Amino acid sequence: MNSSEPIRRALISVSDKTGLVPFARALVSLGIEIISTGGTAKLLAAEGIANTEISAYTGFPEMLDGRVKTLHPKVHGGLLFVRDNADHRAQAEAHGIQPIDLVVVNLYPFEKTIAKAGTTLEEAIEQIDIGGPSMLRSAAKNYRSVTVVVDPADYADVLENIQANDGATTLKLRERLGIKVFVTTAKYDGAIANYLDREQETTCSLNLSMPIVARLRYGENPHQTAALYGHFDEHFEKLHGKELSYNNILDITAASELIDEFSEPTVAILKHTNPCGIGSDADLREAWDKAFATDKQAPFGGIIICNRPLTVELAKAISEIFSEVIIAPDFDAEARALLQKKKNLRLMRKLPRPLPQSGDEQMLIRSVAGGVLVQSRDAVPDDDIASKVVTARQPSKEELAAMLFAWRVVKHVKSNAIVYAAADRTLGIGAGQMSRVDASRIAIWKAADAGLSLKGSAVGSDAFFPFPDGLIAAAEAGATCAIQPGGSVKDPEVIAAADERKMAMICTGVRHFKH
């Protein structure tokens, strides 16, 4: 049966009360009886909206601190019985079960709760909704007769649909809303399972449920299909330019993660997710000059990001080269007007990071043959790095600043990775080589090609130097200090090589492989 009967009775039980009062008031004006629970009932009563509290409707009191209130045959029978099934109707009438035609339910804020720092397991468990998902699923299963609303954003559509159809809703609407329920409850259950799996240190399974953001023109290459899922649009807003590509999105993400390492005004240039150059300066235009000087060839068609509103002076400098994407927390009006003259250039506003972030957003997921790999993000504080000097000579204040700059950058360079840096800029970057010595050679060559001296520079390595040769090559290039994880069986020889050359060196104890 594709019911077109008018809605006579609604059950409302919501955690998120956004838009509830005007919606409920409109339902009452249409002659719809409202049944409600707990805080929802109190809010409606306070607003003068007639409603019947759930315990009065079922004849059974709420129990166990509200854990049991809607798990009752008068609720689920009213949702589930098939309206054109004579036997169902007879049973419902025999047991005093009335039809519930509209269900408005959203769930306890489990994900918001676990995203708060310091949330205990007990607090998280209390936010596992039982009655809500049960009502939603019952209503969605019987969508041919029952309208179910899980998202306040759908209130307006539901009201419009009721008013346009003599008090009823269309099957098309009920189908759409029913499907939305199962997507929502699947995501909700997945978040609970993932949290408990992590919290209890068990081995179970990974559950993912993400809304589609966009279907992309193609993937990494034109013959590959692609789509974007999740909440990318909560992190970035496109202000201008062509549709984002698969590769753009990867580059934007890499650029954002890199710039988040810096609190001082900084400009970074990336290509194929690898940094080409990074510079810091109170004047963003000067920061750009430092970043661009590292490599003036690779940035063509690259990604540019800064962590301050983009000025017109910087926009003028950037506009001299072809870029795919420019990212900033904001754009001065004159700067934006100048850059928008390039119709294909994508301008992206980097939005304040959504807080709190759920546990799932802290995971890095990568597909492999037959499944996925999951790991936590590479987010290790470097507050005590200065105390981890392993050489006879301590670094100067300037050298320490240069080492920390190199260390922040090398973390975002594909392995094997070597970065030469000053206190406020990169000087040479070697990325993605099979040999660490080769990565160092490329970084040295890049610096020479750019006309930059490595004399007095710091060298950063994402993993340990397996032999002294890499460190020696850095010293011969002009580096006076080095920062690396350490941990090689050859560490004593590497430290001895540094001491022989009067280099200062820090071994952080933290590796930053990026495959």
Protein backbone atom coordinates (compact mmCIF):
# COMPACT_ATOMS: atom_id res chain seq x y z
CA MET A 1 0.00 0.00 0.00
CA ASN A 2 1.30 3.44 -0.93
CA SER A 3 -0.61 5.30 1.79
CA SER A 4 -2.10 8.65 0.95
CA GLU A 5 -4.05 8.92 4.20
CA PRO A 6 -3.70 12.21 6.08
CA ILE A 7 -1.25 12.30 8.96
CA ARG A 8 -3.21 12.26 12.20
CA ARG A 9 -0.60 11.39 14.84
CA ALA A 10 3.10 12.26 15.20
CA LEU A 11 5.70 11.07 17.68
CA ILE A 12 8.47 13.60 18.36
CA SER A 13 11.59 12.82 20.38
CA VAL A 14 14.66 14.87 19.52
CA SER A 15 18.06 15.63 20.97
CA ASP A 16 18.77 18.42 18.47
CA LYS A 17 15.87 20.83 18.93
CA THR A 18 16.83 23.13 16.05
CA GLY A 19 13.67 24.39 14.36
CA LEU A 20 11.45 22.12 16.47
CA VAL A 21 9.07 24.68 17.95
CA PRO A 22 7.82 26.26 14.69
CA PHE A 23 7.65 22.80 13.08
CA ALA A 24 5.58 21.32 15.93
CA ARG A 25 3.36 24.40 16.05
CA ALA A 26 2.68 24.01 12.31
CA LEU A 27 1.79 20.33 12.80
CA VAL A 28 -0.73 21.18 15.50
CA SER A 29 -2.27 23.85 13.27
CA LEU A 30 -2.83 21.10 10.69
CA GLY A 31 -4.77 19.07 13.25
CA ILE A 32 -2.00 16.55 13.97
CA GLU A 33 -1.83 15.08 17.46
CA ILE A 34 1.68 15.10 19.00
CA ILE A 35 3.17 12.48 21.30
CA SER A 36 6.53 13.41 22.80
CA THR A 37 9.17 12.38 25.32
CA GLY A 38 11.27 13.89 28.10
CA GLY A 39 12.98 17.16 27.22
CA THR A 40 10.99 17.44 24.00
CA ALA A 41 7.70 17.30 25.89
CA LYS A 42 8.90 19.94 28.37
CA LEU A 43 9.98 22.30 25.60
CA LEU A 44 6.69 21.95 23.71
CA ALA A 45 4.67 22.47 26.87
CA ALA A 46 6.71 25.55 27.76
CA GLU A 47 5.94 26.93 24.29
CA GLY A 48 2.23 26.27 24.71
CA ILE A 49 2.14 23.49 22.11
CA ALA A 50 -0.32 20.73 22.98
CA ASN A 51 1.27 17.29 23.29
CA THR A 52 0.82 13.98 25.07
CA GLU A 53 3.79 12.74 27.07
CA ILE A 54 4.86 9.21 26.07
CA SER A 55 4.15 7.55 29.44
CA ALA A 56 0.58 8.88 29.38
CA TYR A 57 0.18 7.50 25.86
CA THR A 58 1.57 4.03 26.59
CA GLY A 59 0.27 3.77 30.14
CA PHE A 60 3.75 2.70 31.22
CA PRO A 61 6.19 4.93 33.13
CA GLU A 62 9.66 5.85 31.90
CA MET A 63 12.19 3.56 33.62
CA LEU A 64 15.90 3.20 34.32
CA ASP A 65 16.80 6.90 34.02
CA GLY A 66 14.86 7.18 30.79
CA ARG A 67 16.52 4.18 29.14
CA VAL A 68 13.10 2.56 28.71
CA LYS A 69 10.32 4.83 27.48
CA THR A 70 9.54 4.23 23.81
CA LEU A 71 10.29 0.49 23.68
CA HIS A 72 6.60 -0.38 23.91
CA PRO A 73 4.08 -2.23 21.64
CA LYS A 74 1.84 0.84 21.43
CA VAL A 75 4.78 2.72 19.88
CA HIS A 76 6.32 0.10 17.62
CA GLY A 77 3.01 -1.53 16.82
CA GLY A 78 1.68 1.87 15.76
CA LEU A 79 4.69 2.30 13.47
CA LEU A 80 5.01 -1.19 12.05
CA PHE A 81 1.55 -2.52 11.32
CA VAL A 82 0.84 -2.70 7.60
CA ARG A 83 -2.13 -0.45 7.01
CA ASP A 84 -3.83 -2.49 4.26
CA ASN A 85 -3.29 -5.84 6.01
CA ALA A 86 -6.65 -6.78 7.56
CA ASP A 87 -5.07 -9.15 10.07
CA HIS A 88 -2.62 -6.43 11.21
CA ARG A 89 -5.43 -3.94 11.60
CA ALA A 90 -7.49 -6.40 13.63
CA GLN A 91 -4.58 -7.14 15.97
CA ALA A 92 -3.83 -3.44 16.40
CA GLU A 93 -7.47 -2.69 17.27
CA ALA A 94 -7.65 -5.66 19.65
CA HIS A 95 -4.66 -4.34 21.62
CA GLY A 96 -5.60 -0.67 21.52
CA ILE A 97 -2.75 0.25 19.17
CA GLN A 98 -3.31 3.39 17.16
CA PRO A 99 -1.38 4.25 14.01
CA ILE A 100 1.54 6.67 14.32
CA ASP A 101 1.90 8.31 10.92
CA LEU A 102 4.83 10.65 11.44
CA VAL A 103 8.01 10.09 13.46
CA VAL A 104 10.43 12.93 14.17
CA VAL A 105 13.53 11.62 15.93
CA ASN A 106 17.20 12.52 16.04
CA LEU A 107 19.78 10.72 18.08
CA TYR A 108 21.81 11.30 21.23
CA PRO A 109 25.00 13.23 20.34
CA PHE A 110 27.38 10.29 20.63
CA GLU A 111 29.98 11.59 18.16
CA LYS A 112 30.07 15.06 19.71
CA THR A 113 30.47 13.50 23.13
CA ILE A 114 33.45 11.29 22.25
CA ALA A 115 35.10 14.19 20.42
CA LYS A 116 35.35 16.14 23.69
CA ALA A 117 38.68 15.86 25.47
CA GLY A 118 38.50 13.79 28.64
CA THR A 119 35.27 11.95 27.83
CA THR A 120 35.14 8.72 29.82
CA LEU A 121 33.95 5.36 28.54
CA GLU A 122 30.97 5.55 30.92
CA GLU A 123 29.97 8.98 29.59
CA ALA A 124 30.23 7.72 26.02
CA ILE A 125 28.10 4.64 26.75
CA GLU A 126 25.34 6.84 28.21
CA GLN A 127 25.14 8.59 24.82
CA ILE A 128 24.37 5.35 22.96
CA ASP A 129 20.78 5.84 21.87
CA ILE A 130 18.55 2.76 21.92
CA GLY A 131 14.96 3.95 21.59
CA GLY A 132 15.74 6.52 18.90
CA PRO A 133 17.29 4.17 16.33
CA SER A 134 14.61 1.58 17.10
CA MET A 135 11.79 4.02 16.31
CA LEU A 136 13.56 5.31 13.24
CA ARG A 137 14.11 1.83 11.86
CA SER A 138 10.53 0.75 12.56
CA ALA A 139 9.17 3.82 10.80
CA ALA A 140 11.62 3.57 7.89
CA LYS A 141 10.81 -0.12 7.37
CA ASN A 142 7.15 0.87 7.00
CA TYR A 143 7.90 3.94 4.84
CA ARG A 144 5.00 3.08 2.50
CA SER A 145 2.71 4.28 5.28
CA VAL A 146 4.86 6.20 7.76
CA THR A 147 6.79 9.46 7.27
CA VAL A 148 10.04 9.53 9.23
CA VAL A 149 12.23 12.60 9.80
CA VAL A 150 15.75 12.27 11.21
CA ASP A 151 17.16 15.64 10.12
CA PRO A 152 15.78 19.08 11.09
CA ALA A 153 16.83 20.27 7.62
CA ASP A 154 13.86 18.26 6.26
CA TYR A 155 11.18 19.97 8.37
CA ALA A 156 10.31 22.54 5.71
CA ASP A 157 10.02 19.90 2.95
CA VAL A 158 7.73 17.76 5.11
CA LEU A 159 5.41 20.65 5.95
CA GLU A 160 5.25 21.79 2.34
CA ASN A 161 4.50 18.23 1.25
CA ILE A 162 1.72 17.81 3.81
CA GLN A 163 0.12 21.12 2.86
CA ALA A 164 0.27 20.30 -0.86
CA ASN A 165 -1.29 16.83 -0.47
CA ASP A 166 -4.35 17.33 1.72
CA GLY A 167 -2.59 16.42 4.94
CA ALA A 168 -0.70 13.42 3.56
CA THR A 169 2.85 12.98 2.22
CA THR A 170 3.93 11.51 -1.10
CA LEU A 171 5.53 8.11 -1.43
CA LYS A 172 8.52 9.74 -3.13
CA LEU A 173 9.20 11.87 -0.05
CA ARG A 174 8.70 8.95 2.34
CA GLU A 175 11.11 6.81 0.33
CA ARG A 176 13.80 9.49 0.41
CA LEU A 177 13.40 10.08 4.13
CA GLY A 178 13.36 6.35 4.86
CA ILE A 179 16.64 5.81 3.04
CA LYS A 180 18.15 8.74 4.93
CA VAL A 181 17.26 7.01 8.18
CA PHE A 182 19.22 3.88 7.33
CA VAL A 183 22.22 5.94 6.19
CA THR A 184 22.08 7.85 9.48
CA THR A 185 21.70 4.85 11.76
CA ALA A 186 24.44 2.95 9.91
CA LYS A 187 26.83 5.88 10.44
CA TYR A 188 25.75 6.17 14.08
CA ASP A 189 26.28 2.48 14.80
CA GLY A 190 29.59 2.59 12.94
CA ALA A 191 30.83 5.47 15.09
CA ILE A 192 29.90 3.52 18.25
CA ALA A 193 31.59 0.34 17.03
CA ASN A 194 34.75 2.19 16.00
CA TYR A 195 34.95 4.03 19.32
CA LEU A 196 34.45 0.92 21.42
CA ASP A 197 36.91 -0.98 19.23
CA ARG A 198 39.58 1.64 19.95
CA GLU A 199 38.66 2.25 23.58
CA GLN A 200 38.50 -1.42 24.56
CA GLU A 201 41.59 -2.31 22.46
CA THR A 202 39.75 -5.15 20.79
CA THR A 203 40.00 -6.42 17.25
CA CYS A 204 36.66 -6.15 15.55
CA SER A 205 35.92 -4.26 12.35
CA LEU A 206 35.92 -0.79 10.82
CA ASN A 207 32.65 0.87 9.90
CA LEU A 208 32.54 3.79 7.50
CA SER A 209 29.51 5.76 6.37
CA MET A 210 30.08 9.10 4.66
CA PRO A 211 27.80 11.37 2.68
CA ILE A 212 28.79 12.15 -0.89
CA VAL A 213 30.17 15.66 -1.36
CA ALA A 214 30.67 15.56 -5.12
CA ARG A 215 31.12 13.29 -8.10
CA LEU A 216 34.38 14.33 -9.72
CA ARG A 217 35.08 14.61 -13.42
CA TYR A 218 37.67 11.85 -13.13
CA GLY A 219 40.27 10.44 -10.77
CA GLU A 220 44.04 10.66 -10.78
CA ASN A 221 43.89 10.14 -14.54
CA PRO A 222 41.09 10.86 -17.04
CA HIS A 223 40.20 7.18 -17.49
CA GLN A 224 39.49 6.73 -13.74
CA THR A 225 36.14 7.51 -12.11
CA ALA A 226 36.12 9.31 -8.76
CA ALA A 227 33.93 10.87 -6.09
CA LEU A 228 34.51 12.79 -2.87
CA TYR A 229 32.82 11.62 0.34
CA GLY A 230 32.80 12.96 3.88
CA HIS A 231 32.96 16.52 5.17
CA PHE A 232 35.56 18.24 2.99
CA ASP A 233 33.20 21.20 2.63
CA GLU A 234 33.43 21.83 6.38
CA HIS A 235 37.16 22.48 6.00
CA PHE A 236 37.32 24.47 2.75
CA GLU A 237 35.08 26.83 0.79
CA LYS A 238 35.66 27.36 -2.93
CA LEU A 239 35.39 31.05 -3.76
CA HIS A 240 36.30 31.00 -7.43
CA GLY A 241 37.46 28.87 -10.33
CA LYS A 242 36.97 25.53 -11.99
CA GLU A 243 35.59 22.43 -10.35
CA LEU A 244 38.09 20.77 -8.04
CA SER A 245 39.79 17.67 -9.40
CA TYR A 246 40.81 14.52 -7.55
CA ASN A 247 44.44 15.65 -7.58
CA ASN A 248 43.50 19.17 -6.45
CA ILE A 249 41.79 17.72 -3.39
CA LEU A 250 44.84 15.64 -2.48
CA ASP A 251 47.10 18.67 -2.90
CA ILE A 252 44.79 20.94 -0.89
CA THR A 253 44.77 18.44 1.96
CA ALA A 254 48.56 18.11 1.93
CA ALA A 255 48.96 21.90 1.83
CA SER A 256 46.59 22.37 4.75
CA GLU A 257 48.37 19.80 6.90
CA LEU A 258 51.73 21.45 6.15
CA ILE A 259 50.64 25.03 6.90
CA ASP A 260 49.12 23.93 10.20
CA GLU A 261 52.68 23.30 11.43
CA PHE A 262 53.35 27.06 11.47
CA SER A 263 51.96 29.73 13.79
CA GLU A 264 54.06 32.57 12.36
CA PRO A 265 52.99 34.14 9.02
CA THR A 266 53.99 31.57 6.41
CA VAL A 267 53.60 30.86 2.71
CA ALA A 268 54.07 27.37 1.25
CA ILE A 269 54.18 26.10 -2.32
CA LEU A 270 53.43 22.45 -3.10
CA LYS A 271 53.42 20.23 -6.17
CA HIS A 272 52.04 16.68 -6.23
CA THR A 273 51.60 16.93 -2.42
CA ASN A 274 55.33 17.64 -1.90
CA PRO A 275 56.55 21.00 -0.60
CA CYS A 276 58.54 23.02 -3.17
CA GLY A 277 59.34 25.87 -0.81
CA ILE A 278 58.24 27.39 2.48
CA GLY A 279 58.99 30.83 3.90
CA SER A 280 58.03 32.68 7.06
CA ASP A 281 58.01 36.45 7.56
CA ALA A 282 55.85 39.08 9.20
CA ASP A 283 55.38 40.44 5.67
CA LEU A 284 53.59 37.78 3.58
CA ARG A 285 55.14 39.19 0.42
CA GLU A 286 58.59 38.55 1.91
CA ALA A 287 57.49 35.08 3.02
CA TRP A 288 56.50 34.37 -0.59
CA ASP A 289 59.90 35.50 -1.88
CA LYS A 290 61.62 33.10 0.53
CA ALA A 291 59.36 30.19 -0.45
CA PHE A 292 59.55 30.83 -4.19
CA ALA A 293 63.33 31.25 -4.13
CA THR A 294 63.74 27.62 -3.03
CA ASP A 295 62.58 26.35 -6.43
CA LYS A 296 61.37 28.61 -9.23
CA GLN A 297 60.55 25.82 -11.69
CA ALA A 298 58.50 23.26 -9.77
CA PRO A 299 55.76 25.69 -8.59
CA PHE A 300 54.36 26.02 -12.13
CA GLY A 301 50.87 24.51 -11.90
CA GLY A 302 51.23 24.03 -8.17
CA ILE A 303 49.35 24.84 -4.97
CA ILE A 304 50.01 27.95 -2.88
CA ILE A 305 48.83 28.31 0.71
CA CYS A 306 49.30 30.92 3.43
CA ASN A 307 48.09 31.11 7.02
CA ARG A 308 47.13 34.78 7.01
CA PRO A 309 44.59 36.70 4.90
CA LEU A 310 46.11 37.00 1.43
CA THR A 311 47.16 40.59 0.64
CA VAL A 312 47.10 42.37 -2.70
CA GLU A 313 50.91 42.60 -2.62
CA LEU A 314 51.13 38.82 -2.35
CA ALA A 315 48.41 38.38 -4.97
CA LYS A 316 50.43 40.46 -7.44
CA ALA A 317 53.48 38.27 -6.89
CA ILE A 318 51.55 35.02 -7.15
CA SER A 319 49.75 36.11 -10.31
CA GLU A 320 53.06 36.17 -12.17
CA ILE A 321 53.10 32.36 -12.31
CA PHE A 322 50.46 29.77 -13.23
CA SER A 323 48.93 28.08 -10.21
CA GLU A 324 46.15 25.52 -9.91
CA VAL A 325 44.91 26.45 -6.43
CA ILE A 326 45.51 29.25 -3.92
CA ILE A 327 44.42 28.70 -0.32
CA ALA A 328 44.15 31.21 2.53
CA PRO A 329 42.01 31.79 5.61
CA ASP A 330 40.69 34.83 3.74
CA PHE A 331 41.45 37.16 0.82
CA ASP A 332 41.64 40.94 0.90
CA ALA A 333 38.99 42.34 -1.45
CA GLU A 334 41.57 43.81 -3.86
CA ALA A 335 43.61 40.61 -3.83
CA ARG A 336 40.55 38.49 -4.57
CA ALA A 337 39.46 40.77 -7.41
CA LEU A 338 42.93 40.55 -8.97
CA LEU A 339 43.16 36.76 -8.72
CA GLN A 340 39.61 36.19 -9.98
CA LYS A 341 40.64 37.62 -13.33
CA LYS A 342 42.09 34.15 -13.96
CA LYS A 343 38.88 32.24 -14.55
CA ASN A 344 40.38 28.76 -14.09
CA LEU A 345 42.35 29.54 -10.93
CA ARG A 346 40.69 27.98 -7.90
CA LEU A 347 40.57 30.17 -4.80
CA MET A 348 39.89 28.26 -1.60
CA ARG A 349 39.12 29.65 1.83
CA LYS A 350 40.57 27.44 4.56
CA LEU A 351 37.90 27.42 7.22
CA PRO A 352 38.68 27.25 10.93
CA ARG A 353 39.23 23.61 11.78
CA PRO A 354 35.89 22.07 12.86
CA LEU A 355 36.11 21.37 16.57
CA PRO A 356 35.67 19.03 18.19
CA GLN A 357 36.75 16.43 15.66
CA SER A 358 35.37 12.91 15.94
CA GLY A 359 37.63 9.90 16.41
CA ASP A 360 37.00 8.85 12.82
CA GLU A 361 38.36 12.19 11.54
CA GLN A 362 41.60 11.50 13.38
CA MET A 363 42.16 8.32 11.35
CA LEU A 364 44.15 8.06 8.14
CA ILE A 365 42.72 5.46 5.79
CA ARG A 366 44.43 4.05 2.72
CA SER A 367 43.22 1.37 0.35
CA VAL A 368 45.26 -1.79 -0.15
CA ALA A 369 44.61 -5.05 -1.95
CA GLY A 370 41.39 -6.44 -0.51
CA GLY A 371 40.90 -3.81 2.18
CA VAL A 372 42.21 -0.71 3.90
CA LEU A 373 45.01 0.28 6.25
CA VAL A 374 44.06 2.54 9.14
CA GLN A 375 46.41 4.57 11.31
CA SER A 376 46.33 7.57 13.61
CA ARG A 377 47.64 10.89 12.32
CA ASP A 378 51.31 11.81 12.57
CA ALA A 379 50.82 14.39 15.30
CA VAL A 380 53.63 14.29 17.85
CA PRO A 381 54.39 17.50 19.79
CA ASP A 382 57.99 18.71 19.45
CA ASP A 383 58.12 20.79 22.63
CA ASP A 384 61.16 19.06 24.13
CA ILE A 385 63.23 18.58 20.97
CA ALA A 386 65.82 21.12 22.13
CA SER A 387 66.73 18.79 25.00
CA LYS A 388 67.67 15.92 22.68
CA VAL A 389 71.07 17.11 21.48
CA VAL A 390 73.41 14.12 21.09
CA THR A 391 76.62 15.86 19.97
CA ALA A 392 79.38 17.53 21.94
CA ARG A 393 78.44 20.93 20.56
CA GLN A 394 75.11 22.50 21.43
CA PRO A 395 73.27 24.32 18.62
CA SER A 396 73.10 28.11 18.63
CA LYS A 397 69.71 29.78 18.96
CA GLU A 398 69.68 30.39 15.19
CA GLU A 399 70.66 26.79 14.45
CA LEU A 400 67.95 25.45 16.74
CA ALA A 401 65.34 27.58 14.95
CA ALA A 402 66.59 26.31 11.59
CA MET A 403 66.45 22.69 12.74
CA LEU A 404 62.89 23.10 13.98
CA PHE A 405 61.90 24.70 10.66
CA ALA A 406 63.44 21.81 8.73
CA TRP A 407 61.76 19.30 11.05
CA ARG A 408 58.30 20.76 10.51
CA VAL A 409 58.75 20.60 6.75
CA VAL A 410 60.45 17.21 6.35
CA LYS A 411 57.46 15.57 8.03
CA HIS A 412 55.41 16.51 4.94
CA VAL A 413 57.92 15.45 2.27
CA LYS A 414 57.62 11.99 0.69
CA SER A 415 60.22 9.50 1.94
CA ASN A 416 63.10 9.31 1.65
CA ALA A 417 63.12 13.00 2.55
CA ILE A 418 65.86 15.56 3.19
CA VAL A 419 65.30 19.26 3.84
CA TYR A 420 67.92 21.99 4.15
CA ALA A 421 66.62 25.09 5.91
CA ALA A 422 67.40 28.38 7.58
CA ALA A 423 65.42 29.66 10.55
CA ASP A 424 62.72 31.13 8.32
CA ARG A 425 62.82 29.32 4.99
CA THR A 426 63.64 26.17 3.08
CA LEU A 427 66.84 26.11 1.01
CA GLY A 428 66.75 22.70 -0.64
CA ILE A 429 64.28 19.79 -0.65
CA GLY A 430 64.93 16.22 -1.76
CA ALA A 431 61.81 14.04 -1.91
CA GLY A 432 60.78 10.48 -2.60
CA GLN A 433 64.12 8.86 -3.32
CA MET A 434 65.05 5.23 -2.82
CA SER A 435 68.31 6.31 -1.17
CA ARG A 436 68.64 8.95 1.54
CA VAL A 437 71.98 9.99 0.06
CA ASP A 438 70.23 10.56 -3.29
CA ALA A 439 67.57 12.66 -1.55
CA SER A 440 70.35 14.77 -0.04
CA ARG A 441 72.09 15.12 -3.41
CA ILE A 442 68.87 16.32 -5.03
CA ALA A 443 68.28 18.84 -2.24
CA ILE A 444 71.87 20.14 -2.62
CA TRP A 445 71.49 20.33 -6.41
CA LYS A 446 68.16 22.14 -6.09
CA ALA A 447 69.71 24.71 -3.75
CA ALA A 448 72.65 25.26 -6.11
CA ASP A 449 70.30 25.53 -9.09
CA ALA A 450 68.32 28.18 -7.20
CA GLY A 451 71.52 30.04 -6.33
CA LEU A 452 71.08 29.44 -2.59
CA SER A 453 74.00 28.80 -0.26
CA LEU A 454 73.73 25.98 2.25
CA LYS A 455 76.52 27.40 4.37
CA GLY A 456 75.33 27.47 7.98
CA SER A 457 72.10 25.62 7.16
CA ALA A 458 70.29 22.93 9.09
CA VAL A 459 69.55 19.58 7.52
CA GLY A 460 66.46 17.58 8.48
CA SER A 461 65.91 13.90 7.71
CA ASP A 462 62.57 12.11 8.09
CA ALA A 463 64.30 8.90 9.25
CA PHE A 464 67.68 8.01 10.70
CA PHE A 465 70.91 8.21 8.78
CA PRO A 466 71.76 4.52 8.32
CA PHE A 467 75.41 5.37 7.72
CA PRO A 468 77.55 8.45 8.30
CA ASP A 469 77.74 9.15 4.54
CA GLY A 470 74.45 11.10 4.44
CA LEU A 471 75.51 13.34 7.30
CA ILE A 472 78.98 13.83 5.84
CA ALA A 473 77.45 14.86 2.50
CA ALA A 474 75.33 17.43 4.36
CA ALA A 475 78.35 18.79 6.19
CA GLU A 476 80.31 19.07 2.95
CA ALA A 477 77.37 20.99 1.45
CA GLY A 478 77.63 23.54 4.27
CA ALA A 479 75.19 22.34 6.95
CA THR A 480 76.37 23.04 10.48
CA CYS A 481 73.59 21.20 12.29
CA ALA A 482 71.24 18.27 11.73
CA ILE A 483 67.96 16.96 13.08
CA GLN A 484 66.92 13.35 12.60
CA PRO A 485 65.12 10.60 14.52
CA GLY A 486 68.15 8.48 15.37
CA GLY A 487 67.72 4.79 16.12
CA SER A 488 70.22 3.27 13.71
CA VAL A 489 72.77 0.71 14.84
CA LYS A 490 75.25 3.12 13.28
CA ASP A 491 74.15 6.05 15.49
CA PRO A 492 77.50 6.15 17.35
CA GLU A 493 79.35 6.44 14.03
CA VAL A 494 76.96 9.14 12.78
CA ILE A 495 77.36 11.11 16.02
CA ALA A 496 81.14 10.72 15.82
CA ALA A 497 81.09 12.04 12.24
CA ALA A 498 79.08 15.05 13.43
CA ASP A 499 81.49 15.70 16.30
CA GLU A 500 84.48 15.47 13.98
CA ARG A 501 82.94 18.21 11.87
CA LYS A 502 81.85 20.23 14.93
CA MET A 503 78.20 19.87 13.90
CA ALA A 504 75.35 20.07 16.39
CA MET A 505 72.79 17.28 16.06
CA ILE A 506 69.45 16.42 17.59
CA CYS A 507 68.01 12.90 17.59
CA THR A 508 64.29 13.32 18.18
CA GLY A 509 63.34 9.68 18.68
CA VAL A 510 60.42 10.25 16.29
CA ARG A 511 60.34 9.08 12.67
CA HIS A 512 58.27 10.85 10.00
CA PHE A 513 58.03 8.41 7.08
CA LYS A 514 55.48 9.54 4.49
CA HIS A 515 54.84 6.91 1.84
